[in-house]
């Protein structure tokens, strides 16, 4: 088909599906009607969208970790520990790297090696290899809703098996799981492949089964200006809604400046609702997720807890629907389940303490308006480039550098836009590349960075970007030279 933001027909979907389900033997176990019956037999407290909607109504922030190991028994033990000892409100199943690249035979080898070594030899859960029955063992043994988190450009078979296996939330999208993750995958391909994922989600919805979809908010995770991550989130929400998705969680990765981060979460839901309504999608429930700091972490465990606490406070004050929690072992590699539970309990404590407080800084509304204007300029240009079709528009926008994700590995990403912090630690745009921001917004960004340069007695340059990338791992927010304040 020619790429367009249009619902995939049943005939076309079934034709593609026949090719998808034969990619690995476990695909033959997918039975849509039987899967619908299984989902409808699940208790309400295991359904992800229901818990999110209730949290949104109550104005509370739920907590969720990342976690995934190779073997079913060990994954159940890990998630049970995070549920019971970590007090997680929502649970993940993080997928392994081989599965993310559709290398199922190597994932199978990893499973065998994990049995031999009696420890996980994969960095996540190989859901395709474990199949529908294996996934259901997780669902049946836990009392908390479970989401699939991965990073897969072509996630079609993974989606089929996970949905049939009983998972009720699924992360990713055609932009957010391509440009930040892959080098050589064309945008047209991932948009089409993720339209399949969203159409499958819509089919479950039409059959009376609610499955939550979550675009991946942080993108590359370091110094991403809110307008870029917001634009990507809104576009992926529009693409999902067109295929029939009705529960969408849009995300944002912590940048570190409290006012900017709170403003970002508040405007993210507002802008998503605005553009969904513009395209006639008035029946979509939009919730938000705040990702704790995704960049480098301090080696010192006490300092790492400080970073986690700051993210927890920001999530609570922004009233995000949920927060993705980091651990004090981020700098050391894959965290233990005990460290994961510590991060969860730390976050739960901060959120509980701040649940009745709000962020009332005088600059909040100003920051919200900056984000609104910058995001709308990117979204409206995407729509213009596609002559009203956002699927076409985003492909052309990436080609033109209108959507330009900092530090992304994809060769299709322009890589010209450079971010840097201002004197207060907010993320600004040092070099816009080809991003079509209004002149007064460009002047504003330049002025904010120049104020910092003056304080630090140096020119605004790429060195600032480098310093900012490593700042938090060194115990600072702004990457200042030693001779400045």
Protein backbone atom coordinates (compact mmCIF):
# COMPACT_ATOMS: atom_id res chain seq x y z
CA UNK A 1 0.00 0.00 0.00
CA UNK A 2 1.01 3.61 -0.40
CA UNK A 3 1.85 5.11 2.98
CA UNK A 4 -1.00 7.14 4.44
CA UNK A 5 -2.68 7.72 7.78
CA UNK A 6 -5.66 5.53 6.98
CA UNK A 7 -7.08 2.51 8.76
CA UNK A 8 -5.78 -0.75 7.32
CA UNK A 9 -8.59 -2.76 5.70
CA UNK A 10 -9.48 -6.19 7.11
CA UNK A 11 -8.43 -7.91 3.89
CA UNK A 12 -5.07 -6.19 3.79
CA UNK A 13 -4.46 -6.84 7.49
CA UNK A 14 -5.19 -10.55 7.15
CA UNK A 15 -2.86 -10.80 4.15
CA UNK A 16 0.00 -9.24 6.14
CA UNK A 17 -0.89 -11.31 9.19
CA UNK A 18 -0.37 -14.58 7.34
CA UNK A 19 3.22 -13.50 6.65
CA UNK A 20 3.80 -12.27 10.22
CA UNK A 21 2.62 -15.37 12.09
CA UNK A 22 4.94 -17.74 10.20
CA UNK A 23 8.11 -15.85 11.21
CA UNK A 24 8.62 -18.19 14.20
CA UNK A 25 6.85 -21.45 15.18
CA UNK A 26 5.08 -19.93 18.21
CA UNK A 27 3.11 -17.71 15.84
CA UNK A 28 0.88 -20.66 14.95
CA UNK A 29 -0.49 -20.67 18.52
CA UNK A 30 -2.11 -17.24 18.09
CA UNK A 31 -5.89 -17.60 17.96
CA UNK A 32 -7.63 -14.22 17.96
CA UNK A 33 -11.05 -15.40 19.15
CA UNK A 34 -9.56 -17.54 21.91
CA UNK A 35 -7.34 -14.61 22.97
CA UNK A 36 -10.37 -12.35 23.24
CA UNK A 37 -12.05 -14.90 25.50
CA UNK A 38 -8.91 -15.11 27.67
CA UNK A 39 -8.72 -11.32 28.06
CA UNK A 40 -12.41 -11.12 28.98
CA UNK A 41 -11.86 -13.72 31.71
CA UNK A 42 -9.19 -11.58 33.38
CA UNK A 43 -10.13 -9.63 36.54
CA UNK A 44 -10.39 -5.84 36.17
CA UNK A 45 -7.42 -5.19 38.46
CA UNK A 46 -5.08 -6.80 35.90
CA UNK A 47 -6.11 -4.48 33.06
CA UNK A 48 -3.60 -1.70 32.47
CA UNK A 49 -5.93 0.91 30.96
CA UNK A 50 -8.43 0.57 33.81
CA UNK A 51 -5.78 1.29 36.42
CA UNK A 52 -4.46 4.27 34.45
CA UNK A 53 -7.93 5.76 34.00
CA UNK A 54 -8.67 5.41 37.71
CA UNK A 55 -5.36 7.08 38.61
CA UNK A 56 -6.12 9.93 36.21
CA UNK A 57 -9.52 10.48 37.82
CA UNK A 58 -8.01 10.48 41.32
CA UNK A 59 -5.03 12.67 40.34
CA UNK A 60 -2.46 10.20 41.68
CA UNK A 61 0.83 9.01 40.18
CA UNK A 62 1.44 5.28 39.77
CA UNK A 63 4.93 3.76 39.87
CA UNK A 64 6.41 1.25 37.41
CA UNK A 65 9.91 -0.26 37.06
CA UNK A 66 11.76 -1.82 34.11
CA UNK A 67 12.60 -5.53 34.40
CA UNK A 68 13.17 -8.57 32.24
CA UNK A 69 15.12 -11.87 32.37
CA UNK A 70 15.36 -14.89 30.10
CA UNK A 71 13.37 -17.64 31.84
CA UNK A 72 9.67 -17.75 32.72
CA UNK A 73 10.18 -18.95 36.30
CA UNK A 74 12.77 -16.25 36.98
CA UNK A 75 10.62 -13.54 35.38
CA UNK A 76 7.70 -14.51 37.62
CA UNK A 77 9.99 -14.41 40.67
CA UNK A 78 11.37 -11.00 39.63
CA UNK A 79 7.97 -9.43 39.00
CA UNK A 80 6.50 -10.93 42.18
CA UNK A 81 9.33 -9.36 44.17
CA UNK A 82 8.80 -5.94 42.56
CA UNK A 83 5.05 -6.24 43.13
CA UNK A 84 5.29 -7.31 46.78
CA UNK A 85 8.58 -5.82 48.03
CA UNK A 86 8.88 -2.90 45.64
CA UNK A 87 5.18 -1.90 45.97
CA UNK A 88 4.94 -1.40 42.19
CA UNK A 89 1.53 -0.25 40.98
CA UNK A 90 2.24 -1.43 37.43
CA UNK A 91 4.68 -4.04 36.16
CA UNK A 92 6.84 -4.35 33.04
CA UNK A 93 8.20 -7.14 30.96
CA UNK A 94 11.28 -5.80 29.22
CA UNK A 95 12.09 -7.72 26.02
CA UNK A 96 15.61 -8.92 25.19
CA UNK A 97 17.82 -7.40 22.48
CA UNK A 98 17.73 -10.41 20.13
CA UNK A 99 13.94 -10.35 20.02
CA UNK A 100 14.02 -6.60 19.38
CA UNK A 101 16.00 -7.32 16.21
CA UNK A 102 13.76 -10.28 15.24
CA UNK A 103 16.67 -12.69 15.80
CA UNK A 104 14.58 -15.43 17.38
CA UNK A 105 17.05 -18.29 16.89
CA UNK A 106 19.69 -16.40 18.87
CA UNK A 107 17.09 -15.70 21.56
CA UNK A 108 16.38 -19.44 21.64
CA UNK A 109 20.08 -20.10 22.11
CA UNK A 110 20.07 -17.58 24.96
CA UNK A 111 17.23 -19.43 26.68
CA UNK A 112 19.14 -22.73 26.50
CA UNK A 113 22.30 -21.10 27.78
CA UNK A 114 20.35 -19.51 30.64
CA UNK A 115 19.10 -22.97 31.70
CA UNK A 116 22.67 -24.31 31.60
CA UNK A 117 24.20 -21.40 33.51
CA UNK A 118 21.25 -21.09 35.93
CA UNK A 119 21.15 -17.32 35.41
CA UNK A 120 19.80 -15.03 32.73
CA UNK A 121 22.07 -14.86 29.70
CA UNK A 122 19.69 -12.45 27.95
CA UNK A 123 19.00 -8.83 28.89
CA UNK A 124 15.25 -9.30 28.82
CA UNK A 125 12.32 -11.69 28.34
CA UNK A 126 12.17 -13.45 24.92
CA UNK A 127 8.38 -13.42 24.63
CA UNK A 128 8.21 -14.65 21.02
CA UNK A 129 10.18 -17.78 21.91
CA UNK A 130 8.18 -18.47 25.07
CA UNK A 131 4.99 -18.06 23.07
CA UNK A 132 1.40 -17.47 24.11
CA UNK A 133 1.40 -20.09 26.87
CA UNK A 134 4.63 -18.76 28.34
CA UNK A 135 3.32 -15.19 28.44
CA UNK A 136 0.13 -16.34 30.14
CA UNK A 137 2.13 -17.87 32.95
CA UNK A 138 3.25 -14.34 33.84
CA UNK A 139 -0.26 -12.92 33.62
CA UNK A 140 -1.78 -15.76 35.68
CA UNK A 141 0.84 -15.57 38.45
CA UNK A 142 0.79 -11.80 39.07
CA UNK A 143 -1.93 -9.59 40.54
CA UNK A 144 -0.77 -6.37 38.86
CA UNK A 145 -1.22 -5.15 35.25
CA UNK A 146 1.82 -5.91 33.07
CA UNK A 147 3.15 -3.90 30.12
CA UNK A 148 5.50 -4.99 27.32
CA UNK A 149 8.53 -2.67 26.97
CA UNK A 150 11.10 -3.26 24.26
CA UNK A 151 12.60 -1.13 21.45
CA UNK A 152 11.67 -3.06 18.31
CA UNK A 153 11.43 -1.40 14.88
CA UNK A 154 9.34 -4.33 13.53
CA UNK A 155 7.30 -5.55 16.49
CA UNK A 156 4.43 -7.22 14.65
CA UNK A 157 5.00 -10.85 15.71
CA UNK A 158 5.95 -9.78 19.22
CA UNK A 159 2.67 -7.87 19.46
CA UNK A 160 0.58 -10.78 18.23
CA UNK A 161 2.06 -13.17 20.78
CA UNK A 162 2.00 -10.72 23.68
CA UNK A 163 -1.60 -9.69 23.07
CA UNK A 164 -2.73 -13.29 22.73
CA UNK A 165 -0.66 -14.00 25.86
CA UNK A 166 -2.69 -11.53 27.91
CA UNK A 167 -0.56 -8.38 28.18
CA UNK A 168 -2.77 -5.29 28.37
CA UNK A 169 -0.28 -2.51 27.57
CA UNK A 170 2.32 -2.15 24.83
CA UNK A 171 5.06 0.43 24.41
CA UNK A 172 6.58 1.89 21.23
CA UNK A 173 5.89 3.50 17.88
CA UNK A 174 7.11 3.92 14.32
CA UNK A 175 9.24 6.97 15.13
CA UNK A 176 10.25 6.44 18.76
CA UNK A 177 11.30 2.81 18.19
CA UNK A 178 13.17 3.60 14.98
CA UNK A 179 15.27 6.75 15.01
CA UNK A 180 16.63 6.34 18.59
CA UNK A 181 17.20 2.58 18.21
CA UNK A 182 18.10 1.66 14.63
CA UNK A 183 20.62 2.86 12.06
CA UNK A 184 19.33 1.64 8.71
CA UNK A 185 15.55 1.23 8.97
CA UNK A 186 13.59 3.61 6.67
CA UNK A 187 10.82 5.63 8.29
CA UNK A 188 8.26 4.39 5.75
CA UNK A 189 8.81 0.81 6.89
CA UNK A 190 8.46 1.42 10.63
CA UNK A 191 5.38 3.61 10.16
CA UNK A 192 3.73 0.80 8.18
CA UNK A 193 4.82 -1.91 10.62
CA UNK A 194 3.51 0.04 13.60
CA UNK A 195 0.25 0.77 11.82
CA UNK A 196 -0.15 -3.03 11.88
CA UNK A 197 0.50 -3.03 15.65
CA UNK A 198 -2.04 -0.27 16.19
CA UNK A 199 -4.61 -1.91 13.91
CA UNK A 200 -4.28 -5.14 15.88
CA UNK A 201 -4.80 -3.11 19.06
CA UNK A 202 -7.88 -1.54 17.46
CA UNK A 203 -9.26 -4.98 16.60
CA UNK A 204 -8.97 -6.04 20.23
CA UNK A 205 -10.70 -2.78 21.23
CA UNK A 206 -13.55 -3.43 18.80
CA UNK A 207 -13.94 -6.91 20.28
CA UNK A 208 -14.37 -5.42 23.76
CA UNK A 209 -10.79 -5.75 25.02
CA UNK A 210 -8.95 -2.57 26.05
CA UNK A 211 -5.20 -2.57 25.40
CA UNK A 212 -3.19 0.52 26.30
CA UNK A 213 -0.60 1.87 23.85
CA UNK A 214 2.36 3.99 24.92
CA UNK A 215 4.66 5.87 22.50
CA UNK A 216 8.22 5.89 23.87
CA UNK A 217 8.70 9.38 25.29
CA UNK A 218 12.40 9.87 26.13
CA UNK A 219 13.66 9.06 22.58
CA UNK A 220 17.48 9.17 22.92
CA UNK A 221 17.07 10.11 26.58
CA UNK A 222 19.61 12.93 26.83
CA UNK A 223 18.95 16.66 26.41
CA UNK A 224 15.87 16.19 24.20
CA UNK A 225 13.93 19.49 24.05
CA UNK A 226 10.27 19.03 25.05
CA UNK A 227 8.97 20.27 21.70
CA UNK A 228 10.69 17.38 19.88
CA UNK A 229 9.54 14.58 22.18
CA UNK A 230 6.06 16.14 22.35
CA UNK A 231 5.79 16.31 18.56
CA UNK A 232 6.78 12.64 18.24
CA UNK A 233 4.32 11.60 20.97
CA UNK A 234 1.42 13.48 19.38
CA UNK A 235 2.17 12.09 15.90
CA UNK A 236 2.33 8.52 17.21
CA UNK A 237 -0.92 9.09 19.13
CA UNK A 238 -2.60 10.30 15.92
CA UNK A 239 -1.33 7.28 13.98
CA UNK A 240 -2.55 4.92 16.72
CA UNK A 241 -5.97 6.54 17.04
CA UNK A 242 -6.57 6.25 13.29
CA UNK A 243 -6.16 2.47 13.59
CA UNK A 244 -8.68 2.26 16.45
CA UNK A 245 -6.56 2.58 19.60
CA UNK A 246 -8.57 4.18 22.42
CA UNK A 247 -6.16 4.19 25.40
CA UNK A 248 -2.94 6.11 24.79
CA UNK A 249 -0.22 7.07 27.28
CA UNK A 250 2.11 9.79 26.02
CA UNK A 251 5.53 10.12 27.63
CA UNK A 252 8.32 12.52 28.44
CA UNK A 253 11.84 11.96 29.74
CA UNK A 254 13.07 14.06 32.67
CA UNK A 255 15.41 16.89 31.68
CA UNK A 256 16.17 18.09 35.20
CA UNK A 257 14.76 21.61 35.48
CA UNK A 258 11.69 21.33 37.74
CA UNK A 259 9.61 24.07 36.12
CA UNK A 260 10.34 22.94 32.57
CA UNK A 261 9.62 19.29 33.41
CA UNK A 262 6.32 20.08 35.15
CA UNK A 263 5.35 22.35 32.25
CA UNK A 264 6.23 19.58 29.80
CA UNK A 265 3.96 16.97 31.40
CA UNK A 266 1.07 19.42 31.70
CA UNK A 267 1.32 20.54 28.06
CA UNK A 268 1.89 17.01 26.74
CA UNK A 269 -1.59 15.81 27.64
CA UNK A 270 -3.11 19.14 26.58
CA UNK A 271 -1.47 19.12 23.12
CA UNK A 272 -2.25 15.44 22.53
CA UNK A 273 -5.93 16.04 23.29
CA UNK A 274 -5.87 19.14 21.06
CA UNK A 275 -4.51 17.37 17.97
CA UNK A 276 -6.59 14.23 18.48
CA UNK A 277 -9.70 16.42 18.54
CA UNK A 278 -8.48 18.24 15.41
CA UNK A 279 -8.51 14.89 13.58
CA UNK A 280 -11.88 13.85 15.04
CA UNK A 281 -10.61 11.40 17.67
CA UNK A 282 -12.70 12.55 20.63
CA UNK A 283 -13.11 9.14 22.25
CA UNK A 284 -9.45 8.48 23.15
CA UNK A 285 -8.42 8.45 26.82
CA UNK A 286 -5.02 10.16 27.12
CA UNK A 287 -2.77 9.60 30.13
CA UNK A 288 0.85 10.57 30.76
CA UNK A 289 4.09 8.88 31.81
CA UNK A 290 7.14 10.62 33.24
CA UNK A 291 10.47 8.82 32.82
CA UNK A 292 13.03 9.45 35.54
CA UNK A 293 16.44 10.65 34.30
CA UNK A 294 17.53 8.55 31.29
CA UNK A 295 21.09 9.88 30.96
CA UNK A 296 24.27 8.94 32.82
CA UNK A 297 23.93 8.19 36.55
CA UNK A 298 26.40 8.85 39.37
CA UNK A 299 28.47 5.84 40.41
CA UNK A 300 27.87 6.66 44.08
CA UNK A 301 24.69 4.93 45.28
CA UNK A 302 23.66 7.75 47.62
CA UNK A 303 23.97 10.30 44.80
CA UNK A 304 22.02 7.97 42.52
CA UNK A 305 19.19 7.94 45.07
CA UNK A 306 19.27 11.74 44.93
CA UNK A 307 18.67 11.63 41.16
CA UNK A 308 15.83 9.13 41.64
CA UNK A 309 14.29 11.29 44.38
CA UNK A 310 14.39 14.38 42.19
CA UNK A 311 12.62 12.48 39.42
CA UNK A 312 10.05 11.20 41.90
CA UNK A 313 9.32 14.71 43.18
CA UNK A 314 8.96 16.06 39.65
CA UNK A 315 6.57 13.26 38.67
CA UNK A 316 4.41 13.94 41.72
CA UNK A 317 4.31 17.72 41.24
CA UNK A 318 3.51 17.39 37.53
CA UNK A 319 0.65 14.98 38.33
CA UNK A 320 1.84 12.51 35.69
CA UNK A 321 -0.39 9.44 35.58
CA UNK A 322 2.60 7.18 36.11
CA UNK A 323 6.37 7.35 36.51
CA UNK A 324 9.00 4.93 35.19
CA UNK A 325 11.44 4.35 38.03
CA UNK A 326 15.23 3.99 37.83
CA UNK A 327 17.52 2.19 40.28
CA UNK A 328 20.63 3.15 42.30
CA UNK A 329 22.62 0.67 40.17
CA UNK A 330 22.04 2.38 36.81
CA UNK A 331 25.74 3.22 36.40
CA UNK A 332 26.76 -0.40 37.03
CA UNK A 333 24.62 -2.13 34.40
CA UNK A 334 21.60 -4.41 34.84
CA UNK A 335 20.25 -3.80 38.37
CA UNK A 336 19.45 -6.51 40.89
CA UNK A 337 15.82 -6.98 41.82
CA UNK A 338 16.65 -5.67 45.31
CA UNK A 339 18.04 -2.42 43.82
CA UNK A 340 14.99 -2.17 41.58
CA UNK A 341 12.70 -2.50 44.59
CA UNK A 342 14.73 0.15 46.46
CA UNK A 343 14.18 2.60 43.61
CA UNK A 344 10.46 1.85 43.66
CA UNK A 345 10.11 2.36 47.42
CA UNK A 346 12.13 5.59 47.25
CA UNK A 347 9.82 6.87 44.52
CA UNK A 348 6.67 5.75 46.35
CA UNK A 349 7.77 7.61 49.49
CA UNK A 350 8.41 10.87 47.63
CA UNK A 351 5.17 10.67 45.65
CA UNK A 352 3.16 10.02 48.80
CA UNK A 353 4.77 12.99 50.58
CA UNK A 354 4.13 15.32 47.65
CA UNK A 355 0.72 14.03 46.56
CA UNK A 356 -1.15 17.06 47.90
CA UNK A 357 1.35 19.66 46.72
CA UNK A 358 1.44 21.56 43.43
CA UNK A 359 4.10 23.45 41.51
CA UNK A 360 3.15 27.14 41.56
CA UNK A 361 6.34 28.76 40.27
CA UNK A 362 5.73 32.07 38.50
CA UNK A 363 7.60 30.89 35.43
CA UNK A 364 5.46 27.76 34.94
CA UNK A 365 2.92 29.32 32.59
CA UNK A 366 5.67 31.00 30.58
CA UNK A 367 7.43 27.66 30.15
CA UNK A 368 4.18 25.96 29.18
CA UNK A 369 3.54 28.56 26.49
CA UNK A 370 7.07 28.13 25.09
CA UNK A 371 6.50 24.37 24.82
CA UNK A 372 3.05 24.84 23.24
CA UNK A 373 4.30 27.22 20.56
CA UNK A 374 7.42 25.23 19.70
CA UNK A 375 5.54 21.92 19.54
CA UNK A 376 2.71 23.32 17.41
CA UNK A 377 5.22 24.77 14.95
CA UNK A 378 6.71 21.29 14.41
CA UNK A 379 3.37 19.48 14.25
CA UNK A 380 1.77 21.98 11.90
CA UNK A 381 4.76 21.76 9.55
CA UNK A 382 4.46 17.96 9.54
CA UNK A 383 0.79 18.25 8.63
CA UNK A 384 1.63 20.77 5.91
CA UNK A 385 4.37 18.56 4.44
CA UNK A 386 1.91 15.66 4.24
CA UNK A 387 -0.88 17.78 2.77
CA UNK A 388 -2.95 16.91 5.82
CA UNK A 389 -1.75 13.30 6.17
CA UNK A 390 0.43 12.94 9.26
CA UNK A 391 1.91 9.58 8.19
CA UNK A 392 3.26 11.07 4.97
CA UNK A 393 4.11 14.31 6.72
CA UNK A 394 6.31 12.80 9.42
CA UNK A 395 8.38 10.84 6.88
CA UNK A 396 8.98 14.04 4.91
CA UNK A 397 9.61 15.97 8.12
CA UNK A 398 12.37 13.58 9.18
CA UNK A 399 13.89 13.80 5.69
CA UNK A 400 13.80 17.60 5.89
CA UNK A 401 15.12 17.82 9.47
CA UNK A 402 11.86 19.32 10.75
CA UNK A 403 11.77 16.42 13.23
CA UNK A 404 15.39 16.06 14.34
CA UNK A 405 16.18 13.92 17.38
CA UNK A 406 19.47 14.78 19.10
CA UNK A 407 22.11 12.01 19.22
CA UNK A 408 19.91 9.50 17.34
CA UNK A 409 21.87 6.73 15.57
CA UNK A 410 19.57 6.54 12.53
CA UNK A 411 21.14 7.60 9.24
CA UNK A 412 17.72 8.94 8.26
CA UNK A 413 17.80 11.46 11.12
CA UNK A 414 19.25 14.87 10.16
CA UNK A 415 21.33 15.19 13.34
CA UNK A 416 21.77 18.93 12.92
CA UNK A 417 19.79 20.21 15.90
CA UNK A 418 21.89 20.75 19.04
CA UNK A 419 20.47 21.23 22.56
CA UNK A 420 22.13 22.81 25.59
CA UNK A 421 21.03 23.86 29.05
CA UNK A 422 20.38 27.47 29.99
CA UNK A 423 21.67 29.04 33.20
CA UNK A 424 18.80 27.47 35.19
CA UNK A 425 19.29 24.00 33.72
CA UNK A 426 16.33 24.03 31.32
CA UNK A 427 16.91 22.42 27.91
CA UNK A 428 17.13 25.01 25.13
CA UNK A 429 18.03 24.87 21.45
CA UNK A 430 21.60 25.91 20.66
CA UNK A 431 21.34 25.16 16.92
CA UNK A 432 17.86 24.52 15.45
CA UNK A 433 19.15 22.93 12.25
CA UNK A 434 16.10 22.90 9.95
CA UNK A 435 13.48 22.95 12.70
CA UNK A 436 10.87 25.58 11.71
CA UNK A 437 10.55 27.44 15.00
CA UNK A 438 9.15 30.99 15.06
CA UNK A 439 11.79 33.72 15.06
CA UNK A 440 10.88 34.95 18.53
CA UNK A 441 11.25 31.39 19.87
CA UNK A 442 14.67 31.07 18.24
CA UNK A 443 15.66 34.43 19.74
CA UNK A 444 14.38 33.30 23.14
CA UNK A 445 16.43 30.08 23.06
CA UNK A 446 19.54 31.93 21.94
CA UNK A 447 19.11 34.57 24.65
CA UNK A 448 18.70 31.96 27.41
CA UNK A 449 21.87 30.13 26.37
CA UNK A 450 23.81 33.39 25.99
CA UNK A 451 22.91 34.30 29.58
CA UNK A 452 24.55 31.11 30.73
CA UNK A 453 27.58 31.72 28.49
CA UNK A 454 28.04 35.15 30.07
CA UNK A 455 27.97 33.71 33.59
CA UNK A 456 30.47 31.01 32.62
CA UNK A 457 32.69 33.48 30.77
CA UNK A 458 32.81 31.43 27.57
CA UNK A 459 31.16 31.34 24.17
CA UNK A 460 28.04 29.29 23.59
CA UNK A 461 29.42 26.29 21.71
CA UNK A 462 29.34 22.52 21.22
CA UNK A 463 31.53 22.19 24.33
CA UNK A 464 28.49 23.19 26.39
CA UNK A 465 26.57 20.28 24.87
CA UNK A 466 29.34 17.83 25.79
CA UNK A 467 29.57 19.22 29.32
CA UNK A 468 25.81 18.92 29.79
CA UNK A 469 25.69 15.30 28.60
CA UNK A 470 28.00 14.23 31.43
CA UNK A 471 26.91 16.71 34.10
CA UNK A 472 24.43 14.63 36.11
CA UNK A 473 26.75 11.62 36.25
CA UNK A 474 29.27 14.03 37.84
CA UNK A 475 26.79 15.35 40.39
CA UNK A 476 25.66 18.53 38.59
CA UNK A 477 22.72 19.54 36.42
CA UNK A 478 24.44 22.18 34.30
CA UNK A 479 27.80 21.25 32.81
CA UNK A 480 29.77 24.29 33.98
CA UNK A 481 33.55 24.71 33.66
CA UNK A 482 35.44 24.66 36.96
CA UNK A 483 36.17 28.38 36.98
CA UNK A 484 32.51 29.43 36.80
CA UNK A 485 30.08 29.60 39.68
